[in-house]
Amino acid sequence: MNASDKGSASEPVHFELSDEERKLLWQGLGQWGGLADLTDAMAVAMGFASTADFFEEEKRLSAALKEKAALPPADWRRILLATEIVFASDIVGAGYLWQTVTGLDDESTLGVLRRLQHRFPASLR
């Protein structure tokens, strides 16, 4: 999918993601269960009902990423935002320990993240 694709706001959307892109998003969700300090306020800011809701949804979203499944735009938005925050923030995310906990270096991660930001349509943001 690219920025010109249209669809309803709740209709599942399939993105052809590279293995590198998929791994980054999977790590972006998974790291909230590690060093990241997820509060209810942060979970709500990312589009989840609560911390408990995030961890319940994380299972489903991570499985969907592995299965290369289509997801509604709201889910893609939450996955991308969770990844952006956990990567960049040293206050609530993995921050400077990102490479240590994921094995993904900052430079490569930022490049993949920027590619994803560019590819995801504005309607997802």
PDB file of N, CA and C in Angstrom:
ATOM      1  N   MET A   1       0.846  -1.176   0.000  1.00  0.00           N
ATOM      2  CA  MET A   1       0.000   0.000   0.000  1.00  0.00           C
ATOM      3  C   MET A   1       0.885   1.231   0.000  1.00  0.00           C
ATOM      4  N   ASN A   2       0.385   2.300  -0.618  1.00  0.00           N
ATOM      5  CA  ASN A   2       1.106   3.563  -0.577  1.00  0.00           C
ATOM      6  C   ASN A   2       0.141   4.681  -0.229  1.00  0.00           C
ATOM      7  N   ALA A   3       0.638   5.892  -0.174  1.00  0.00           N
ATOM      8  CA  ALA A   3      -0.141   7.033   0.294  1.00  0.00           C
ATOM      9  C   ALA A   3      -1.370   7.325  -0.549  1.00  0.00           C
ATOM     10  N   SER A   4      -1.438   6.871  -1.774  1.00  0.00           N
ATOM     11  CA  SER A   4      -2.588   7.175  -2.625  1.00  0.00           C
ATOM     12  C   SER A   4      -3.728   6.172  -2.461  1.00  0.00           C
ATOM     13  N   ASP A   5      -3.486   5.073  -1.753  1.00  0.00           N
ATOM     14  CA  ASP A   5      -4.533   4.075  -1.560  1.00  0.00           C
ATOM     15  C   ASP A   5      -5.609   4.607  -0.630  1.00  0.00           C
ATOM     16  N   LYS A   6      -6.855   4.276  -0.945  1.00  0.00           N
ATOM     17  CA  LYS A   6      -7.996   4.738  -0.160  1.00  0.00           C
ATOM     18  C   LYS A   6      -8.715   3.531   0.425  1.00  0.00           C
ATOM     19  N   GLY A   7      -9.539   3.776   1.400  1.00  0.00           N
ATOM     20  CA  GLY A   7     -10.353   2.743   2.020  1.00  0.00           C
ATOM     21  C   GLY A   7     -11.066   3.338   3.207  1.00  0.00           C
ATOM     22  N   SER A   8     -11.975   2.572   3.798  1.00  0.00           N
ATOM     23  CA  SER A   8     -12.689   3.083   4.958  1.00  0.00           C
ATOM     24  C   SER A   8     -11.754   3.105   6.156  1.00  0.00           C
ATOM     25  N   ALA A   9     -12.115   3.899   7.143  1.00  0.00           N
ATOM     26  CA  ALA A   9     -11.275   4.081   8.324  1.00  0.00           C
ATOM     27  C   ALA A   9     -11.122   2.802   9.138  1.00  0.00           C
ATOM     28  N   SER A  10     -12.061   1.874   9.019  1.00  0.00           N
ATOM     29  CA  SER A  10     -11.972   0.649   9.808  1.00  0.00           C
ATOM     30  C   SER A  10     -11.656  -0.586   8.969  1.00  0.00           C
ATOM     31  N   GLU A  11     -11.612  -0.418   7.663  1.00  0.00           N
ATOM     32  CA  GLU A  11     -11.327  -1.537   6.761  1.00  0.00           C
ATOM     33  C   GLU A  11      -9.868  -1.963   6.906  1.00  0.00           C
ATOM     34  N   PRO A  12      -9.602  -3.260   7.118  1.00  0.00           N
ATOM     35  CA  PRO A  12      -8.214  -3.705   7.234  1.00  0.00           C
ATOM     36  C   PRO A  12      -7.389  -3.343   5.999  1.00  0.00           C
ATOM     37  N   VAL A  13      -6.160  -2.948   6.257  1.00  0.00           N
ATOM     38  CA  VAL A  13      -5.225  -2.521   5.221  1.00  0.00           C
ATOM     39  C   VAL A  13      -4.016  -3.446   5.286  1.00  0.00           C
ATOM     40  N   HIS A  14      -3.573  -3.918   4.125  1.00  0.00           N
ATOM     41  CA  HIS A  14      -2.388  -4.766   4.075  1.00  0.00           C
ATOM     42  C   HIS A  14      -1.205  -3.952   3.573  1.00  0.00           C
ATOM     43  N   PHE A  15      -0.109  -3.994   4.320  1.00  0.00           N
ATOM     44  CA  PHE A  15       1.128  -3.349   3.897  1.00  0.00           C
ATOM     45  C   PHE A  15       2.146  -4.426   3.572  1.00  0.00           C
ATOM     46  N   GLU A  16       2.798  -4.285   2.433  1.00  0.00           N
ATOM     47  CA  GLU A  16       3.923  -5.155   2.100  1.00  0.00           C
ATOM     48  C   GLU A  16       5.130  -4.601   2.845  1.00  0.00           C
ATOM     49  N   LEU A  17       5.482  -5.237   3.927  1.00  0.00           N
ATOM     50  CA  LEU A  17       6.610  -4.792   4.734  1.00  0.00           C
ATOM     51  C   LEU A  17       7.810  -5.695   4.494  1.00  0.00           C
ATOM     52  N   SER A  18       8.979  -5.088   4.481  1.00  0.00           N
ATOM     53  CA  SER A  18      10.201  -5.885   4.405  1.00  0.00           C
ATOM     54  C   SER A  18      10.387  -6.591   5.749  1.00  0.00           C
ATOM     55  N   ASP A  19      11.246  -7.590   5.775  1.00  0.00           N
ATOM     56  CA  ASP A  19      11.541  -8.276   7.035  1.00  0.00           C
ATOM     57  C   ASP A  19      12.090  -7.291   8.056  1.00  0.00           C
ATOM     58  N   GLU A  20      12.915  -6.359   7.583  1.00  0.00           N
ATOM     59  CA  GLU A  20      13.512  -5.348   8.455  1.00  0.00           C
ATOM     60  C   GLU A  20      12.436  -4.437   9.062  1.00  0.00           C
ATOM     61  N   GLU A  21      11.486  -4.018   8.251  1.00  0.00           N
ATOM     62  CA  GLU A  21      10.393  -3.160   8.730  1.00  0.00           C
ATOM     63  C   GLU A  21       9.511  -3.918   9.726  1.00  0.00           C
ATOM     64  N   ARG A  22       9.198  -5.148   9.384  1.00  0.00           N
ATOM     65  CA  ARG A  22       8.359  -5.976  10.258  1.00  0.00           C
ATOM     66  C   ARG A  22       9.052  -6.206  11.602  1.00  0.00           C
ATOM     67  N   LYS A  23      10.350  -6.493  11.571  1.00  0.00           N
ATOM     68  CA  LYS A  23      11.110  -6.726  12.803  1.00  0.00           C
ATOM     69  C   LYS A  23      11.119  -5.477  13.675  1.00  0.00           C
ATOM     70  N   LEU A  24      11.300  -4.319  13.069  1.00  0.00           N
ATOM     71  CA  LEU A  24      11.312  -3.077  13.839  1.00  0.00           C
ATOM     72  C   LEU A  24       9.972  -2.861  14.537  1.00  0.00           C
ATOM     73  N   LEU A  25       8.874  -3.018  13.814  1.00  0.00           N
ATOM     74  CA  LEU A  25       7.555  -2.812  14.414  1.00  0.00           C
ATOM     75  C   LEU A  25       7.275  -3.851  15.501  1.00  0.00           C
ATOM     76  N   TRP A  26       7.696  -5.073  15.277  1.00  0.00           N
ATOM     77  CA  TRP A  26       7.518  -6.127  16.273  1.00  0.00           C
ATOM     78  C   TRP A  26       8.305  -5.791  17.538  1.00  0.00           C
ATOM     79  N   GLN A  27       9.550  -5.339  17.364  1.00  0.00           N
ATOM     80  CA  GLN A  27      10.363  -4.918  18.514  1.00  0.00           C
ATOM     81  C   GLN A  27       9.746  -3.696  19.195  1.00  0.00           C
ATOM     82  N   GLY A  28       9.212  -2.786  18.381  1.00  0.00           N
ATOM     83  CA  GLY A  28       8.593  -1.580  18.929  1.00  0.00           C
ATOM     84  C   GLY A  28       7.444  -1.889  19.864  1.00  0.00           C
ATOM     85  N   LEU A  29       6.677  -2.902  19.552  1.00  0.00           N
ATOM     86  CA  LEU A  29       5.601  -3.325  20.460  1.00  0.00           C
ATOM     87  C   LEU A  29       6.167  -4.089  21.654  1.00  0.00           C
ATOM     88  N   GLY A  30       7.061  -5.010  21.375  1.00  0.00           N
ATOM     89  CA  GLY A  30       7.567  -5.900  22.414  1.00  0.00           C
ATOM     90  C   GLY A  30       8.389  -5.233  23.490  1.00  0.00           C
ATOM     91  N   GLN A  31       9.080  -4.150  23.159  1.00  0.00           N
ATOM     92  CA  GLN A  31       9.944  -3.503  24.143  1.00  0.00           C
ATOM     93  C   GLN A  31       9.175  -2.812  25.261  1.00  0.00           C
ATOM     94  N   TRP A  32       7.874  -2.610  25.065  1.00  0.00           N
ATOM     95  CA  TRP A  32       7.080  -2.034  26.158  1.00  0.00           C
ATOM     96  C   TRP A  32       6.966  -3.003  27.325  1.00  0.00           C
ATOM     97  N   GLY A  33       7.253  -4.257  27.103  1.00  0.00           N
ATOM     98  CA  GLY A  33       7.242  -5.231  28.187  1.00  0.00           C
ATOM     99  C   GLY A  33       8.610  -5.389  28.829  1.00  0.00           C
ATOM    100  N   GLY A  34       9.575  -4.587  28.403  1.00  0.00           N
ATOM    101  CA  GLY A  34      10.932  -4.664  28.938  1.00  0.00           C
ATOM    102  C   GLY A  34      11.291  -3.431  29.740  1.00  0.00           C
ATOM    103  N   LEU A  35      12.297  -2.702  29.262  1.00  0.00           N
ATOM    104  CA  LEU A  35      12.778  -1.519  29.974  1.00  0.00           C
ATOM    105  C   LEU A  35      11.802  -0.350  29.970  1.00  0.00           C
ATOM    106  N   ALA A  36      10.949  -0.293  28.983  1.00  0.00           N
ATOM    107  CA  ALA A  36      10.037   0.845  28.846  1.00  0.00           C
ATOM    108  C   ALA A  36       9.085   0.912  30.036  1.00  0.00           C
ATOM    109  N   ASP A  37       8.735   2.144  30.408  1.00  0.00           N
ATOM    110  CA  ASP A  37       7.865   2.389  31.556  1.00  0.00           C
ATOM    111  C   ASP A  37       6.495   2.822  31.057  1.00  0.00           C
ATOM    112  N   LEU A  38       5.650   1.847  30.759  1.00  0.00           N
ATOM    113  CA  LEU A  38       4.332   2.150  30.216  1.00  0.00           C
ATOM    114  C   LEU A  38       3.355   2.469  31.337  1.00  0.00           C
ATOM    115  N   THR A  39       2.806   3.667  31.293  1.00  0.00           N
ATOM    116  CA  THR A  39       1.778   4.092  32.236  1.00  0.00           C
ATOM    117  C   THR A  39       0.434   4.087  31.521  1.00  0.00           C
ATOM    118  N   ASP A  40      -0.637   4.174  32.291  1.00  0.00           N
ATOM    119  CA  ASP A  40      -1.957   4.272  31.670  1.00  0.00           C
ATOM    120  C   ASP A  40      -2.038   5.501  30.781  1.00  0.00           C
ATOM    121  N   ALA A  41      -1.480   6.627  31.242  1.00  0.00           N
ATOM    122  CA  ALA A  41      -1.529   7.863  30.453  1.00  0.00           C
ATOM    123  C   ALA A  41      -0.827   7.682  29.106  1.00  0.00           C
ATOM    124  N   MET A  42       0.325   7.026  29.096  1.00  0.00           N
ATOM    125  CA  MET A  42       1.045   6.804  27.842  1.00  0.00           C
ATOM    126  C   MET A  42       0.278   5.832  26.954  1.00  0.00           C
ATOM    127  N   ALA A  43      -0.277   4.787  27.541  1.00  0.00           N
ATOM    128  CA  ALA A  43      -1.063   3.829  26.754  1.00  0.00           C
ATOM    129  C   ALA A  43      -2.246   4.530  26.093  1.00  0.00           C
ATOM    130  N   VAL A  44      -2.931   5.386  26.840  1.00  0.00           N
ATOM    131  CA  VAL A  44      -4.066   6.133  26.283  1.00  0.00           C
ATOM    132  C   VAL A  44      -3.590   7.074  25.183  1.00  0.00           C
ATOM    133  N   ALA A  45      -2.459   7.745  25.398  1.00  0.00           N
ATOM    134  CA  ALA A  45      -1.920   8.662  24.379  1.00  0.00           C
ATOM    135  C   ALA A  45      -1.600   7.925  23.079  1.00  0.00           C
ATOM    136  N   MET A  46      -1.257   6.640  23.180  1.00  0.00           N
ATOM    137  CA  MET A  46      -0.948   5.846  21.992  1.00  0.00           C
ATOM    138  C   MET A  46      -2.190   5.198  21.383  1.00  0.00           C
ATOM    139  N   GLY A  47      -3.358   5.429  21.984  1.00  0.00           N
ATOM    140  CA  GLY A  47      -4.598   4.915  21.410  1.00  0.00           C
ATOM    141  C   GLY A  47      -5.157   3.660  22.057  1.00  0.00           C
ATOM    142  N   PHE A  48      -4.625   3.281  23.195  1.00  0.00           N
ATOM    143  CA  PHE A  48      -5.118   2.115  23.921  1.00  0.00           C
ATOM    144  C   PHE A  48      -5.959   2.591  25.103  1.00  0.00           C
ATOM    145  N   ALA A  49      -6.807   1.739  25.639  1.00  0.00           N
ATOM    146  CA  ALA A  49      -7.682   2.128  26.746  1.00  0.00           C
ATOM    147  C   ALA A  49      -6.927   2.229  28.071  1.00  0.00           C
ATOM    148  N   SER A  50      -5.869   1.447  28.216  1.00  0.00           N
ATOM    149  CA  SER A  50      -5.113   1.384  29.470  1.00  0.00           C
ATOM    150  C   SER A  50      -3.838   0.579  29.225  1.00  0.00           C
ATOM    151  N   THR A  51      -3.021   0.485  30.258  1.00  0.00           N
ATOM    152  CA  THR A  51      -1.830  -0.359  30.174  1.00  0.00           C
ATOM    153  C   THR A  51      -2.233  -1.818  29.952  1.00  0.00           C
ATOM    154  N   ALA A  52      -3.228  -2.267  30.695  1.00  0.00           N
ATOM    155  CA  ALA A  52      -3.697  -3.653  30.537  1.00  0.00           C
ATOM    156  C   ALA A  52      -4.190  -3.899  29.113  1.00  0.00           C
ATOM    157  N   ASP A  53      -4.912  -2.928  28.561  1.00  0.00           N
ATOM    158  CA  ASP A  53      -5.393  -3.050  27.183  1.00  0.00           C
ATOM    159  C   ASP A  53      -4.218  -3.124  26.213  1.00  0.00           C
ATOM    160  N   PHE A  54      -3.188  -2.294  26.440  1.00  0.00           N
ATOM    161  CA  PHE A  54      -2.012  -2.341  25.564  1.00  0.00           C
ATOM    162  C   PHE A  54      -1.436  -3.755  25.530  1.00  0.00           C
ATOM    163  N   PHE A  55      -1.200  -4.339  26.704  1.00  0.00           N
ATOM    164  CA  PHE A  55      -0.549  -5.646  26.738  1.00  0.00           C
ATOM    165  C   PHE A  55      -1.433  -6.747  26.158  1.00  0.00           C
ATOM    166  N   GLU A  56      -2.731  -6.613  26.286  1.00  0.00           N
ATOM    167  CA  GLU A  56      -3.645  -7.567  25.654  1.00  0.00           C
ATOM    168  C   GLU A  56      -3.604  -7.402  24.128  1.00  0.00           C
ATOM    169  N   GLU A  57      -3.680  -6.168  23.667  1.00  0.00           N
ATOM    170  CA  GLU A  57      -3.645  -5.880  22.231  1.00  0.00           C
ATOM    171  C   GLU A  57      -2.277  -6.190  21.623  1.00  0.00           C
ATOM    172  N   GLU A  58      -1.223  -6.000  22.394  1.00  0.00           N
ATOM    173  CA  GLU A  58       0.140  -6.254  21.901  1.00  0.00           C
ATOM    174  C   GLU A  58       0.279  -7.687  21.414  1.00  0.00           C
ATOM    175  N   LYS A  59      -0.336  -8.609  22.117  1.00  0.00           N
ATOM    176  CA  LYS A  59      -0.284 -10.022  21.699  1.00  0.00           C
ATOM    177  C   LYS A  59      -0.899 -10.186  20.309  1.00  0.00           C
ATOM    178  N   ARG A  60      -2.076  -9.610  20.134  1.00  0.00           N
ATOM    179  CA  ARG A  60      -2.789  -9.716  18.854  1.00  0.00           C
ATOM    180  C   ARG A  60      -2.029  -9.006  17.738  1.00  0.00           C
ATOM    181  N   LEU A  61      -1.544  -7.793  18.024  1.00  0.00           N
ATOM    182  CA  LEU A  61      -0.850  -7.011  17.002  1.00  0.00           C
ATOM    183  C   LEU A  61       0.479  -7.650  16.612  1.00  0.00           C
ATOM    184  N   SER A  62       1.211  -8.162  17.582  1.00  0.00           N
ATOM    185  CA  SER A  62       2.477  -8.845  17.286  1.00  0.00           C
ATOM    186  C   SER A  62       2.238 -10.087  16.436  1.00  0.00           C
ATOM    187  N   ALA A  63       1.199 -10.833  16.768  1.00  0.00           N
ATOM    188  CA  ALA A  63       0.859 -12.021  15.972  1.00  0.00           C
ATOM    189  C   ALA A  63       0.481 -11.620  14.551  1.00  0.00           C
ATOM    190  N   ALA A  64      -0.273 -10.536  14.410  1.00  0.00           N
ATOM    191  CA  ALA A  64      -0.671 -10.064  13.074  1.00  0.00           C
ATOM    192  C   ALA A  64       0.551  -9.657  12.256  1.00  0.00           C
ATOM    193  N   LEU A  65       1.528  -9.016  12.896  1.00  0.00           N
ATOM    194  CA  LEU A  65       2.758  -8.647  12.187  1.00  0.00           C
ATOM    195  C   LEU A  65       3.481  -9.899  11.696  1.00  0.00           C
ATOM    196  N   LYS A  66       3.612 -10.887  12.549  1.00  0.00           N
ATOM    197  CA  LYS A  66       4.289 -12.125  12.164  1.00  0.00           C
ATOM    198  C   LYS A  66       3.555 -12.840  11.038  1.00  0.00           C
ATOM    199  N   GLU A  67       2.225 -12.786  11.069  1.00  0.00           N
ATOM    200  CA  GLU A  67       1.408 -13.466  10.058  1.00  0.00           C
ATOM    201  C   GLU A  67       1.241 -12.645   8.779  1.00  0.00           C
ATOM    202  N   LYS A  68       1.788 -11.433   8.777  1.00  0.00           N
ATOM    203  CA  LYS A  68       1.678 -10.526   7.627  1.00  0.00           C
ATOM    204  C   LYS A  68       0.212 -10.229   7.310  1.00  0.00           C
ATOM    205  N   ALA A  69      -0.558 -10.056   8.354  1.00  0.00           N
ATOM    206  CA  ALA A  69      -1.999  -9.842   8.223  1.00  0.00           C
ATOM    207  C   ALA A  69      -2.335  -8.376   7.956  1.00  0.00           C
ATOM    208  N   ALA A  70      -3.491  -8.172   7.360  1.00  0.00           N
ATOM    209  CA  ALA A  70      -4.044  -6.828   7.198  1.00  0.00           C
ATOM    210  C   ALA A  70      -4.600  -6.387   8.549  1.00  0.00           C
ATOM    211  N   LEU A  71      -4.487  -5.096   8.822  1.00  0.00           N
ATOM    212  CA  LEU A  71      -4.993  -4.528  10.072  1.00  0.00           C
ATOM    213  C   LEU A  71      -5.746  -3.242   9.776  1.00  0.00           C
ATOM    214  N   PRO A  72      -6.705  -2.884  10.614  1.00  0.00           N
ATOM    215  CA  PRO A  72      -7.373  -1.594  10.445  1.00  0.00           C
ATOM    216  C   PRO A  72      -6.367  -0.449  10.610  1.00  0.00           C
ATOM    217  N   PRO A  73      -6.609   0.683   9.966  1.00  0.00           N
ATOM    218  CA  PRO A  73      -5.696   1.827  10.077  1.00  0.00           C
ATOM    219  C   PRO A  73      -5.360   2.216  11.518  1.00  0.00           C
ATOM    220  N   ALA A  74      -6.335   2.147  12.412  1.00  0.00           N
ATOM    221  CA  ALA A  74      -6.072   2.516  13.814  1.00  0.00           C
ATOM    222  C   ALA A  74      -4.997   1.623  14.429  1.00  0.00           C
ATOM    223  N   ASP A  75      -4.977   0.353  14.064  1.00  0.00           N
ATOM    224  CA  ASP A  75      -3.953  -0.550  14.589  1.00  0.00           C
ATOM    225  C   ASP A  75      -2.578  -0.213  14.030  1.00  0.00           C
ATOM    226  N   TRP A  76      -2.494   0.073  12.734  1.00  0.00           N
ATOM    227  CA  TRP A  76      -1.199   0.466  12.149  1.00  0.00           C
ATOM    228  C   TRP A  76      -0.687   1.734  12.823  1.00  0.00           C
ATOM    229  N   ARG A  77      -1.581   2.682  13.072  1.00  0.00           N
ATOM    230  CA  ARG A  77      -1.197   3.944  13.721  1.00  0.00           C
ATOM    231  C   ARG A  77      -0.649   3.669  15.122  1.00  0.00           C
ATOM    232  N   ARG A  78      -1.328   2.811  15.878  1.00  0.00           N
ATOM    233  CA  ARG A  78      -0.876   2.501  17.240  1.00  0.00           C
ATOM    234  C   ARG A  78       0.464   1.775  17.232  1.00  0.00           C
ATOM    235  N   ILE A  79       0.658   0.865  16.292  1.00  0.00           N
ATOM    236  CA  ILE A  79       1.934   0.142  16.194  1.00  0.00           C
ATOM    237  C   ILE A  79       3.071   1.110  15.879  1.00  0.00           C
ATOM    238  N   LEU A  80       2.866   1.985  14.903  1.00  0.00           N
ATOM    239  CA  LEU A  80       3.910   2.931  14.520  1.00  0.00           C
ATOM    240  C   LEU A  80       4.225   3.883  15.663  1.00  0.00           C
ATOM    241  N   LEU A  81       3.208   4.428  16.309  1.00  0.00           N
ATOM    242  CA  LEU A  81       3.435   5.367  17.406  1.00  0.00           C
ATOM    243  C   LEU A  81       4.138   4.691  18.578  1.00  0.00           C
ATOM    244  N   ALA A  82       3.730   3.486  18.918  1.00  0.00           N
ATOM    245  CA  ALA A  82       4.386   2.755  20.004  1.00  0.00           C
ATOM    246  C   ALA A  82       5.862   2.539  19.694  1.00  0.00           C
ATOM    247  N   THR A  83       6.169   2.256  18.436  1.00  0.00           N
ATOM    248  CA  THR A  83       7.555   2.046  18.013  1.00  0.00           C
ATOM    249  C   THR A  83       8.349   3.342  18.075  1.00  0.00           C
ATOM    250  N   GLU A  84       7.774   4.421  17.573  1.00  0.00           N
ATOM    251  CA  GLU A  84       8.455   5.722  17.601  1.00  0.00           C
ATOM    252  C   GLU A  84       8.822   6.113  19.032  1.00  0.00           C
ATOM    253  N   ILE A  85       7.876   5.963  19.938  1.00  0.00           N
ATOM    254  CA  ILE A  85       8.105   6.392  21.321  1.00  0.00           C
ATOM    255  C   ILE A  85       9.098   5.493  22.036  1.00  0.00           C
ATOM    256  N   VAL A  86       8.920   4.182  21.946  1.00  0.00           N
ATOM    257  CA  VAL A  86       9.802   3.280  22.678  1.00  0.00           C
ATOM    258  C   VAL A  86      11.240   3.361  22.163  1.00  0.00           C
ATOM    259  N   PHE A  87      11.415   3.633  20.872  1.00  0.00           N
ATOM    260  CA  PHE A  87      12.758   3.790  20.314  1.00  0.00           C
ATOM    261  C   PHE A  87      13.410   5.085  20.787  1.00  0.00           C
ATOM    262  N   ALA A  88      12.704   6.183  20.690  1.00  0.00           N
ATOM    263  CA  ALA A  88      13.312   7.496  20.893  1.00  0.00           C
ATOM    264  C   ALA A  88      13.385   7.947  22.342  1.00  0.00           C
ATOM    265  N   SER A  89      12.415   7.607  23.151  1.00  0.00           N
ATOM    266  CA  SER A  89      12.340   8.170  24.497  1.00  0.00           C
ATOM    267  C   SER A  89      13.195   7.407  25.499  1.00  0.00           C
ATOM    268  N   ASP A  90      14.049   8.147  26.176  1.00  0.00           N
ATOM    269  CA  ASP A  90      14.828   7.570  27.258  1.00  0.00           C
ATOM    270  C   ASP A  90      14.064   7.683  28.572  1.00  0.00           C
ATOM    271  N   ILE A  91      13.001   8.475  28.584  1.00  0.00           N
ATOM    272  CA  ILE A  91      12.205   8.665  29.797  1.00  0.00           C
ATOM    273  C   ILE A  91      11.191   7.535  29.955  1.00  0.00           C
ATOM    274  N   VAL A  92      10.456   7.226  28.901  1.00  0.00           N
ATOM    275  CA  VAL A  92       9.446   6.164  28.999  1.00  0.00           C
ATOM    276  C   VAL A  92       9.772   4.953  28.129  1.00  0.00           C
ATOM    277  N   GLY A  93      10.726   5.075  27.221  1.00  0.00           N
ATOM    278  CA  GLY A  93      11.034   3.998  26.292  1.00  0.00           C
ATOM    279  C   GLY A  93      12.369   3.337  26.568  1.00  0.00           C
ATOM    280  N   ALA A  94      12.885   2.657  25.571  1.00  0.00           N
ATOM    281  CA  ALA A  94      14.188   2.002  25.677  1.00  0.00           C
ATOM    282  C   ALA A  94      15.323   3.006  25.509  1.00  0.00           C
ATOM    283  N   GLY A  95      15.067   4.071  24.723  1.00  0.00           N
ATOM    284  CA  GLY A  95      16.029   5.154  24.569  1.00  0.00           C
ATOM    285  C   GLY A  95      17.417   4.696  24.183  1.00  0.00           C
ATOM    286  N   TYR A  96      18.411   5.181  24.930  1.00  0.00           N
ATOM    287  CA  TYR A  96      19.797   4.897  24.564  1.00  0.00           C
ATOM    288  C   TYR A  96      20.160   3.422  24.702  1.00  0.00           C
ATOM    289  N   LEU A  97      19.314   2.636  25.344  1.00  0.00           N
ATOM    290  CA  LEU A  97      19.573   1.195  25.455  1.00  0.00           C
ATOM    291  C   LEU A  97      18.912   0.384  24.335  1.00  0.00           C
ATOM    292  N   TRP A  98      18.306   1.073  23.371  1.00  0.00           N
ATOM    293  CA  TRP A  98      17.601   0.399  22.272  1.00  0.00           C
ATOM    294  C   TRP A  98      18.457  -0.688  21.622  1.00  0.00           C
ATOM    295  N   GLN A  99      19.669  -0.356  21.230  1.00  0.00           N
ATOM    296  CA  GLN A  99      20.523  -1.331  20.547  1.00  0.00           C
ATOM    297  C   GLN A  99      20.831  -2.517  21.457  1.00  0.00           C
ATOM    298  N   THR A 100      21.059  -2.249  22.720  1.00  0.00           N
ATOM    299  CA  THR A 100      21.374  -3.316  23.666  1.00  0.00           C
ATOM    300  C   THR A 100      20.224  -4.307  23.801  1.00  0.00           C
ATOM    301  N   VAL A 101      19.000  -3.801  23.876  1.00  0.00           N
ATOM    302  CA  VAL A 101      17.854  -4.684  24.128  1.00  0.00           C
ATOM    303  C   VAL A 101      17.241  -5.280  22.866  1.00  0.00           C
ATOM    304  N   THR A 102      17.509  -4.672  21.705  1.00  0.00           N
ATOM    305  CA  THR A 102      16.909  -5.180  20.461  1.00  0.00           C
ATOM    306  C   THR A 102      17.918  -5.765  19.486  1.00  0.00           C
ATOM    307  N   GLY A 103      19.179  -5.352  19.593  1.00  0.00           N
ATOM    308  CA  GLY A 103      20.175  -5.750  18.607  1.00  0.00           C
ATOM    309  C   GLY A 103      20.122  -4.907  17.347  1.00  0.00           C
ATOM    310  N   LEU A 104      19.248  -3.899  17.329  1.00  0.00           N
ATOM    311  CA  LEU A 104      19.102  -3.003  16.171  1.00  0.00           C
ATOM    312  C   LEU A 104      19.797  -1.686  16.484  1.00  0.00           C
ATOM    313  N   ASP A 105      20.763  -1.293  15.646  1.00  0.00           N
ATOM    314  CA  ASP A 105      21.473  -0.052  15.934  1.00  0.00           C
ATOM    315  C   ASP A 105      20.597   1.162  15.610  1.00  0.00           C
ATOM    316  N   ASP A 106      20.919   2.273  16.266  1.00  0.00           N
ATOM    317  CA  ASP A 106      20.114   3.490  16.140  1.00  0.00           C
ATOM    318  C   ASP A 106      20.027   3.997  14.706  1.00  0.00           C
ATOM    319  N   GLU A 107      21.144   4.009  14.003  1.00  0.00           N
ATOM    320  CA  GLU A 107      21.160   4.550  12.641  1.00  0.00           C
ATOM    321  C   GLU A 107      20.251   3.740  11.714  1.00  0.00           C
ATOM    322  N   SER A 108      20.368   2.427  11.765  1.00  0.00           N
ATOM    323  CA  SER A 108      19.510   1.572  10.932  1.00  0.00           C
ATOM    324  C   SER A 108      18.052   1.705  11.339  1.00  0.00           C
ATOM    325  N   THR A 109      17.809   1.730  12.647  1.00  0.00           N
ATOM    326  CA  THR A 109      16.437   1.861  13.143  1.00  0.00           C
ATOM    327  C   THR A 109      15.805   3.146  12.653  1.00  0.00           C
ATOM    328  N   LEU A 110      16.536   4.236  12.751  1.00  0.00           N
ATOM    329  CA  LEU A 110      15.989   5.522  12.314  1.00  0.00           C
ATOM    330  C   LEU A 110      15.697   5.507  10.817  1.00  0.00           C
ATOM    331  N   GLY A 111      16.573   4.910  10.032  1.00  0.00           N
ATOM    332  CA  GLY A 111      16.337   4.814   8.592  1.00  0.00           C
ATOM    333  C   GLY A 111      15.080   4.019   8.264  1.00  0.00           C
ATOM    334  N   VAL A 112      14.900   2.892   8.939  1.00  0.00           N
ATOM    335  CA  VAL A 112      13.711   2.062   8.707  1.00  0.00           C
ATOM    336  C   VAL A 112      12.465   2.791   9.198  1.00  0.00           C
ATOM    337  N   LEU A 113      12.572   3.442  10.338  1.00  0.00           N
ATOM    338  CA  LEU A 113      11.434   4.182  10.882  1.00  0.00           C
ATOM    339  C   LEU A 113      11.010   5.304   9.943  1.00  0.00           C
ATOM    340  N   ARG A 114      11.969   6.040   9.408  1.00  0.00           N
ATOM    341  CA  ARG A 114      11.643   7.113   8.459  1.00  0.00           C
ATOM    342  C   ARG A 114      11.003   6.549   7.191  1.00  0.00           C
ATOM    343  N   ARG A 115      11.479   5.403   6.745  1.00  0.00           N
ATOM    344  CA  ARG A 115      10.892   4.761   5.566  1.00  0.00           C
ATOM    345  C   ARG A 115       9.431   4.383   5.842  1.00  0.00           C
ATOM    346  N   LEU A 116       9.168   3.838   7.015  1.00  0.00           N
ATOM    347  CA  LEU A 116       7.797   3.485   7.383  1.00  0.00           C
ATOM    348  C   LEU A 116       6.916   4.727   7.489  1.00  0.00           C
ATOM    349  N   GLN A 117       7.443   5.776   8.097  1.00  0.00           N
ATOM    350  CA  GLN A 117       6.674   7.016   8.224  1.00  0.00           C
ATOM    351  C   GLN A 117       6.312   7.571   6.854  1.00  0.00           C
ATOM    352  N   HIS A 118       7.222   7.459   5.933  1.00  0.00           N
ATOM    353  CA  HIS A 118       6.979   7.951   4.578  1.00  0.00           C
ATOM    354  C   HIS A 118       5.954   7.079   3.847  1.00  0.00           C
ATOM    355  N   ARG A 119       6.030   5.782   4.048  1.00  0.00           N
ATOM    356  CA  ARG A 119       5.153   4.843   3.335  1.00  0.00           C
ATOM    357  C   ARG A 119       3.733   4.815   3.868  1.00  0.00           C
ATOM    358  N   PHE A 120       3.571   5.000   5.169  1.00  0.00           N
ATOM    359  CA  PHE A 120       2.224   4.955   5.732  1.00  0.00           C
ATOM    360  C   PHE A 120       1.477   6.198   5.295  1.00  0.00           C
ATOM    361  N   PRO A 121       0.273   6.037   4.774  1.00  0.00           N
ATOM    362  CA  PRO A 121      -0.490   7.191   4.292  1.00  0.00           C
ATOM    363  C   PRO A 121      -0.825   8.169   5.416  1.00  0.00           C
ATOM    364  N   ALA A 122      -1.019   9.407   5.033  1.00  0.00           N
ATOM    365  CA  ALA A 122      -1.362  10.446   6.005  1.00  0.00           C
ATOM    366  C   ALA A 122      -2.619  10.081   6.783  1.00  0.00           C
ATOM    367  N   SER A 123      -3.515   9.337   6.179  1.00  0.00           N
ATOM    368  CA  SER A 123      -4.753   8.943   6.860  1.00  0.00           C
ATOM    369  C   SER A 123      -4.497   8.053   8.074  1.00  0.00           C
ATOM    370  N   LEU A 124      -3.331   7.412   8.125  1.00  0.00           N
ATOM    371  CA  LEU A 124      -2.989   6.588   9.283  1.00  0.00           C
ATOM    372  C   LEU A 124      -2.385   7.411  10.401  1.00  0.00           C
ATOM    373  N   ARG A 125      -1.921   8.585  10.055  1.00  0.00           N
ATOM    374  CA  ARG A 125      -1.215   9.385  11.056  1.00  0.00           C
ATOM    375  C   ARG A 125      -2.129  10.305  11.788  1.00  0.00           C
TER     376      ARG A 125
END
